Amino acid sequence: MFNWSTKPLYFSFWHEQVKTMLTQTMIDKLNDQINLEFYSSNLYLQMASWCEAQGLDGCNEFLRRHAREEMEHMQKLFDYVNETGAMAIIGAINAPPHQYESVRDIFQRTYEHECEVTRCINELAHTAFTEKDYSTFNFLQWYVAEQHEEEKLFKGILDKIDMIGFEGKGLYYIDNEVLKLVASMPPVTAA
């Protein structure tokens, strides 16, 4: 029979021995990625604000939706870290830039930012693989595929901007094209 008087000692010992399924390196890198996704959300929300100030309702709606999507990405990582017995840690998030030259500048920066996120995700997956953390490696495959889609999406918007132009009526057409993208996307569940 189990002696309940030793339960706190037993569980304290167990907790010290089996804290997490992750190495400290993986925890640190996953927490870095959590913070990058948080920054991404703030960046897109700030860009949405700029678009709204310019009367670009379609771009505003698109970037607001994308900000919510980035928060969803952050939440998935946050939950994963906590589910492994580690603790997700939100660090200081830098303020994103708030001045932009044009709608093309906005989407060029989003494309470059998504390329950087892809680089970080690939590095994270590589670390998981080299540490033989196949559970995390498997978890990260969703992010690898998502980043392919993100880069494709933003490159496609840049291509349309270059094709149509963003002066005069071109800006109106670009804004409408971006709004059509929002209508074709599934809803984002994270707030």
C-alpha atoms as a PDB file:
ATOM      1  CA  MET A   1       0.000   0.000   0.000  1.00  0.00           C
ATOM      2  CA  PHE A   2       1.181   3.514  -0.851  1.00  0.00           C
ATOM      3  CA  ASN A   3       2.172   5.628   2.148  1.00  0.00           C
ATOM      4  CA  TRP A   4       0.451   8.977   1.575  1.00  0.00           C
ATOM      5  CA  SER A   5       2.710  10.709   4.049  1.00  0.00           C
ATOM      6  CA  THR A   6       5.606  10.260   1.577  1.00  0.00           C
ATOM      7  CA  LYS A   7       3.595  11.504  -1.415  1.00  0.00           C
ATOM      8  CA  PRO A   8       4.985  15.070  -1.421  1.00  0.00           C
ATOM      9  CA  LEU A   9       8.543  13.771  -1.230  1.00  0.00           C
ATOM     10  CA  TYR A  10       7.890  11.183  -3.972  1.00  0.00           C
ATOM     11  CA  PHE A  11       6.292  13.710  -6.317  1.00  0.00           C
ATOM     12  CA  SER A  12       8.973  16.298  -5.560  1.00  0.00           C
ATOM     13  CA  PHE A  13      11.645  13.767  -6.499  1.00  0.00           C
ATOM     14  CA  TRP A  14       9.747  12.724  -9.646  1.00  0.00           C
ATOM     15  CA  HIS A  15       9.265  16.371 -10.668  1.00  0.00           C
ATOM     16  CA  GLU A  16      13.019  17.034 -10.313  1.00  0.00           C
ATOM     17  CA  GLN A  17      13.885  13.966 -12.381  1.00  0.00           C
ATOM     18  CA  VAL A  18      11.310  14.319 -15.200  1.00  0.00           C
ATOM     19  CA  LYS A  19      10.727  18.014 -15.694  1.00  0.00           C
ATOM     20  CA  THR A  20      10.476  18.156 -19.443  1.00  0.00           C
ATOM     21  CA  MET A  21      10.742  16.088 -22.587  1.00  0.00           C
ATOM     22  CA  LEU A  22      12.874  18.830 -24.166  1.00  0.00           C
ATOM     23  CA  THR A  23      16.523  19.741 -23.843  1.00  0.00           C
ATOM     24  CA  GLN A  24      17.340  23.229 -22.644  1.00  0.00           C
ATOM     25  CA  THR A  25      18.588  24.069 -26.149  1.00  0.00           C
ATOM     26  CA  MET A  26      15.212  23.134 -27.629  1.00  0.00           C
ATOM     27  CA  ILE A  27      13.337  25.056 -24.938  1.00  0.00           C
ATOM     28  CA  ASP A  28      15.411  28.168 -25.611  1.00  0.00           C
ATOM     29  CA  LYS A  29      14.974  27.934 -29.374  1.00  0.00           C
ATOM     30  CA  LEU A  30      11.237  27.265 -29.124  1.00  0.00           C
ATOM     31  CA  ASN A  31      10.854  30.245 -26.785  1.00  0.00           C
ATOM     32  CA  ASP A  32      12.784  32.378 -29.281  1.00  0.00           C
ATOM     33  CA  GLN A  33      10.359  31.262 -31.981  1.00  0.00           C
ATOM     34  CA  ILE A  34       7.369  32.041 -29.749  1.00  0.00           C
ATOM     35  CA  ASN A  35       8.675  35.575 -29.405  1.00  0.00           C
ATOM     36  CA  LEU A  36       9.354  35.877 -33.148  1.00  0.00           C
ATOM     37  CA  GLU A  37       5.766  34.838 -33.910  1.00  0.00           C
ATOM     38  CA  PHE A  38       4.547  37.385 -31.353  1.00  0.00           C
ATOM     39  CA  TYR A  39       6.663  40.066 -33.053  1.00  0.00           C
ATOM     40  CA  SER A  40       5.259  38.993 -36.435  1.00  0.00           C
ATOM     41  CA  SER A  41       1.740  39.563 -35.165  1.00  0.00           C
ATOM     42  CA  ASN A  42       2.661  43.017 -33.886  1.00  0.00           C
ATOM     43  CA  LEU A  43       4.438  43.848 -37.148  1.00  0.00           C
ATOM     44  CA  TYR A  44       1.419  42.943 -39.276  1.00  0.00           C
ATOM     45  CA  LEU A  45      -0.946  44.767 -36.964  1.00  0.00           C
ATOM     46  CA  GLN A  46       1.223  47.899 -37.208  1.00  0.00           C
ATOM     47  CA  MET A  47       1.297  47.559 -40.995  1.00  0.00           C
ATOM     48  CA  ALA A  48      -2.498  47.219 -40.961  1.00  0.00           C
ATOM     49  CA  SER A  49      -2.709  50.485 -39.067  1.00  0.00           C
ATOM     50  CA  TRP A  50      -0.600  52.209 -41.720  1.00  0.00           C
ATOM     51  CA  CYS A  51      -2.819  50.780 -44.462  1.00  0.00           C
ATOM     52  CA  GLU A  52      -5.969  51.912 -42.662  1.00  0.00           C
ATOM     53  CA  ALA A  53      -4.519  55.437 -42.375  1.00  0.00           C
ATOM     54  CA  GLN A  54      -3.939  55.373 -46.146  1.00  0.00           C
ATOM     55  CA  GLY A  55      -7.526  54.254 -46.862  1.00  0.00           C
ATOM     56  CA  LEU A  56      -6.425  50.795 -48.002  1.00  0.00           C
ATOM     57  CA  ASP A  57      -9.266  48.776 -46.513  1.00  0.00           C
ATOM     58  CA  GLY A  58      -8.392  45.538 -48.280  1.00  0.00           C
ATOM     59  CA  CYS A  59      -4.742  45.626 -47.219  1.00  0.00           C
ATOM     60  CA  ASN A  60      -5.788  46.623 -43.703  1.00  0.00           C
ATOM     61  CA  GLU A  61      -8.158  43.651 -43.426  1.00  0.00           C
ATOM     62  CA  PHE A  62      -5.573  41.267 -44.921  1.00  0.00           C
ATOM     63  CA  LEU A  63      -2.824  42.343 -42.516  1.00  0.00           C
ATOM     64  CA  ARG A  64      -5.162  42.281 -39.495  1.00  0.00           C
ATOM     65  CA  ARG A  65      -6.128  38.736 -40.419  1.00  0.00           C
ATOM     66  CA  HIS A  66      -2.489  37.849 -40.824  1.00  0.00           C
ATOM     67  CA  ALA A  67      -1.698  39.331 -37.399  1.00  0.00           C
ATOM     68  CA  ARG A  68      -4.326  37.006 -35.877  1.00  0.00           C
ATOM     69  CA  GLU A  69      -2.830  34.076 -37.781  1.00  0.00           C
ATOM     70  CA  GLU A  70       0.623  34.830 -36.373  1.00  0.00           C
ATOM     71  CA  MET A  71      -0.861  34.840 -32.866  1.00  0.00           C
ATOM     72  CA  GLU A  72      -2.325  31.423 -33.640  1.00  0.00           C
ATOM     73  CA  HIS A  73       1.160  30.230 -34.653  1.00  0.00           C
ATOM     74  CA  MET A  74       2.563  31.631 -31.405  1.00  0.00           C
ATOM     75  CA  GLN A  75      -0.167  29.904 -29.355  1.00  0.00           C
ATOM     76  CA  LYS A  76       0.585  26.515 -30.945  1.00  0.00           C
ATOM     77  CA  LEU A  77       4.251  26.825 -30.007  1.00  0.00           C
ATOM     78  CA  PHE A  78       3.369  28.151 -26.540  1.00  0.00           C
ATOM     79  CA  ASP A  79       1.037  25.203 -25.901  1.00  0.00           C
ATOM     80  CA  TYR A  80       3.560  22.678 -27.242  1.00  0.00           C
ATOM     81  CA  VAL A  81       6.331  23.907 -24.954  1.00  0.00           C
ATOM     82  CA  ASN A  82       4.029  23.768 -21.928  1.00  0.00           C
ATOM     83  CA  GLU A  83       2.671  20.327 -22.895  1.00  0.00           C
ATOM     84  CA  THR A  84       6.203  18.921 -22.825  1.00  0.00           C
ATOM     85  CA  GLY A  85       6.603  19.927 -19.194  1.00  0.00           C
ATOM     86  CA  ALA A  86       8.750  22.964 -19.971  1.00  0.00           C
ATOM     87  CA  MET A  87       7.620  26.548 -19.544  1.00  0.00           C
ATOM     88  CA  ALA A  88       6.940  28.893 -22.434  1.00  0.00           C
ATOM     89  CA  ILE A  89       8.496  32.272 -21.743  1.00  0.00           C
ATOM     90  CA  ILE A  90       7.401  35.512 -23.366  1.00  0.00           C
ATOM     91  CA  GLY A  91      10.341  37.878 -23.624  1.00  0.00           C
ATOM     92  CA  ALA A  92      10.510  41.542 -24.497  1.00  0.00           C
ATOM     93  CA  ILE A  93       9.019  42.170 -27.934  1.00  0.00           C
ATOM     94  CA  ASN A  94      10.550  44.995 -29.953  1.00  0.00           C
ATOM     95  CA  ALA A  95       8.231  47.623 -31.383  1.00  0.00           C
ATOM     96  CA  PRO A  96       7.796  47.177 -35.139  1.00  0.00           C
ATOM     97  CA  PRO A  97       8.455  50.031 -37.556  1.00  0.00           C
ATOM     98  CA  HIS A  98       5.435  52.257 -38.165  1.00  0.00           C
ATOM     99  CA  GLN A  99       6.426  54.309 -41.201  1.00  0.00           C
ATOM    100  CA  TYR A 100       6.359  52.873 -44.686  1.00  0.00           C
ATOM    101  CA  GLU A 101       6.972  54.335 -48.121  1.00  0.00           C
ATOM    102  CA  SER A 102       4.212  52.570 -50.024  1.00  0.00           C
ATOM    103  CA  VAL A 103       2.006  49.502 -50.173  1.00  0.00           C
ATOM    104  CA  ARG A 104       4.820  47.829 -52.105  1.00  0.00           C
ATOM    105  CA  ASP A 105       7.202  48.616 -49.250  1.00  0.00           C
ATOM    106  CA  ILE A 106       4.748  46.971 -46.838  1.00  0.00           C
ATOM    107  CA  PHE A 107       4.561  43.753 -48.849  1.00  0.00           C
ATOM    108  CA  GLN A 108       8.290  43.702 -49.615  1.00  0.00           C
ATOM    109  CA  ARG A 109       8.963  43.879 -45.884  1.00  0.00           C
ATOM    110  CA  THR A 110       6.394  41.173 -45.132  1.00  0.00           C
ATOM    111  CA  TYR A 111       7.992  38.917 -47.739  1.00  0.00           C
ATOM    112  CA  GLU A 112      11.481  39.521 -46.300  1.00  0.00           C
ATOM    113  CA  HIS A 113      10.174  38.956 -42.781  1.00  0.00           C
ATOM    114  CA  GLU A 114       8.541  35.663 -43.773  1.00  0.00           C
ATOM    115  CA  CYS A 115      11.824  34.550 -45.370  1.00  0.00           C
ATOM    116  CA  GLU A 116      13.522  35.241 -42.027  1.00  0.00           C
ATOM    117  CA  VAL A 117      10.817  33.288 -40.178  1.00  0.00           C
ATOM    118  CA  THR A 118      11.358  30.403 -42.618  1.00  0.00           C
ATOM    119  CA  ARG A 119      15.095  30.470 -41.892  1.00  0.00           C
ATOM    120  CA  CYS A 120      14.382  30.327 -38.145  1.00  0.00           C
ATOM    121  CA  ILE A 121      11.853  27.495 -38.503  1.00  0.00           C
ATOM    122  CA  ASN A 122      14.299  25.495 -40.623  1.00  0.00           C
ATOM    123  CA  GLU A 123      17.033  26.061 -38.032  1.00  0.00           C
ATOM    124  CA  LEU A 124      14.643  24.955 -35.296  1.00  0.00           C
ATOM    125  CA  ALA A 125      13.717  21.786 -37.223  1.00  0.00           C
ATOM    126  CA  HIS A 126      17.404  21.090 -37.851  1.00  0.00           C
ATOM    127  CA  THR A 127      18.159  21.427 -34.134  1.00  0.00           C
ATOM    128  CA  ALA A 128      15.300  19.072 -33.257  1.00  0.00           C
ATOM    129  CA  PHE A 129      16.545  16.529 -35.799  1.00  0.00           C
ATOM    130  CA  THR A 130      20.202  16.709 -34.733  1.00  0.00           C
ATOM    131  CA  GLU A 131      19.172  16.369 -31.068  1.00  0.00           C
ATOM    132  CA  LYS A 132      17.072  13.340 -32.035  1.00  0.00           C
ATOM    133  CA  ASP A 133      13.980  15.086 -30.708  1.00  0.00           C
ATOM    134  CA  TYR A 134      11.698  13.497 -33.276  1.00  0.00           C
ATOM    135  CA  SER A 135       8.513  14.538 -31.523  1.00  0.00           C
ATOM    136  CA  THR A 136       9.448  18.220 -31.847  1.00  0.00           C
ATOM    137  CA  PHE A 137      10.768  17.633 -35.354  1.00  0.00           C
ATOM    138  CA  ASN A 138       7.401  16.124 -36.303  1.00  0.00           C
ATOM    139  CA  PHE A 139       5.521  18.988 -34.617  1.00  0.00           C
ATOM    140  CA  LEU A 140       7.563  21.535 -36.584  1.00  0.00           C
ATOM    141  CA  GLN A 141       6.688  20.019 -39.969  1.00  0.00           C
ATOM    142  CA  TRP A 142       3.408  21.964 -39.921  1.00  0.00           C
ATOM    143  CA  TYR A 143       5.437  25.185 -39.597  1.00  0.00           C
ATOM    144  CA  VAL A 144       7.785  24.163 -42.413  1.00  0.00           C
ATOM    145  CA  ALA A 145       4.810  23.660 -44.752  1.00  0.00           C
ATOM    146  CA  GLU A 146       3.125  26.848 -43.496  1.00  0.00           C
ATOM    147  CA  GLN A 147       6.223  28.903 -44.246  1.00  0.00           C
ATOM    148  CA  HIS A 148       6.267  27.641 -47.817  1.00  0.00           C
ATOM    149  CA  GLU A 149       2.701  28.904 -48.174  1.00  0.00           C
ATOM    150  CA  GLU A 150       3.504  32.241 -46.508  1.00  0.00           C
ATOM    151  CA  GLU A 151       6.433  32.995 -48.802  1.00  0.00           C
ATOM    152  CA  LYS A 152       4.389  31.987 -51.848  1.00  0.00           C
ATOM    153  CA  LEU A 153       1.490  34.216 -50.745  1.00  0.00           C
ATOM    154  CA  PHE A 154       3.580  37.340 -50.176  1.00  0.00           C
ATOM    155  CA  LYS A 155       5.659  36.794 -53.312  1.00  0.00           C
ATOM    156  CA  GLY A 156       2.389  36.515 -55.258  1.00  0.00           C
ATOM    157  CA  ILE A 157       1.167  39.830 -53.845  1.00  0.00           C
ATOM    158  CA  LEU A 158       4.462  41.492 -54.763  1.00  0.00           C
ATOM    159  CA  ASP A 159       4.199  40.089 -58.284  1.00  0.00           C
ATOM    160  CA  LYS A 160       0.683  41.550 -58.641  1.00  0.00           C
ATOM    161  CA  ILE A 161       1.838  44.915 -57.359  1.00  0.00           C
ATOM    162  CA  ASP A 162       4.679  44.926 -59.880  1.00  0.00           C
ATOM    163  CA  MET A 163       2.346  43.878 -62.674  1.00  0.00           C
ATOM    164  CA  ILE A 164      -0.460  46.347 -61.885  1.00  0.00           C
ATOM    165  CA  GLY A 165       1.581  49.141 -60.329  1.00  0.00           C
ATOM    166  CA  PHE A 166       0.566  51.085 -57.238  1.00  0.00           C
ATOM    167  CA  GLU A 167       0.149  54.583 -58.590  1.00  0.00           C
ATOM    168  CA  GLY A 168      -3.328  56.042 -59.111  1.00  0.00           C
ATOM    169  CA  LYS A 169      -5.917  53.417 -60.024  1.00  0.00           C
ATOM    170  CA  GLY A 170      -3.326  50.686 -59.645  1.00  0.00           C
ATOM    171  CA  LEU A 171      -3.430  51.165 -55.887  1.00  0.00           C
ATOM    172  CA  TYR A 172      -7.209  50.748 -55.925  1.00  0.00           C
ATOM    173  CA  TYR A 173      -6.886  47.492 -57.907  1.00  0.00           C
ATOM    174  CA  ILE A 174      -4.161  46.157 -55.627  1.00  0.00           C
ATOM    175  CA  ASP A 175      -6.276  46.891 -52.555  1.00  0.00           C
ATOM    176  CA  ASN A 176      -9.217  45.034 -54.111  1.00  0.00           C
ATOM    177  CA  GLU A 177      -7.029  42.071 -55.113  1.00  0.00           C
ATOM    178  CA  VAL A 178      -5.725  41.787 -51.562  1.00  0.00           C
ATOM    179  CA  LEU A 179      -9.273  41.969 -50.191  1.00  0.00           C
ATOM    180  CA  LYS A 180     -10.225  39.069 -52.507  1.00  0.00           C
ATOM    181  CA  LEU A 181      -7.433  37.023 -50.914  1.00  0.00           C
ATOM    182  CA  VAL A 182      -8.969  37.581 -47.480  1.00  0.00           C
ATOM    183  CA  ALA A 183     -12.347  36.360 -48.702  1.00  0.00           C
ATOM    184  CA  SER A 184     -10.772  33.163 -50.033  1.00  0.00           C
ATOM    185  CA  MET A 185      -8.941  32.308 -46.791  1.00  0.00           C
ATOM    186  CA  PRO A 186     -10.291  30.163 -43.965  1.00  0.00           C
ATOM    187  CA  PRO A 187     -11.155  31.983 -40.728  1.00  0.00           C
ATOM    188  CA  VAL A 188      -8.459  32.348 -38.064  1.00  0.00           C
ATOM    189  CA  THR A 189      -9.431  30.872 -34.727  1.00  0.00           C
ATOM    190  CA  ALA A 190      -6.998  32.712 -32.412  1.00  0.00           C
ATOM    191  CA  ALA A 191      -7.812  36.142 -31.044  1.00  0.00           C
END
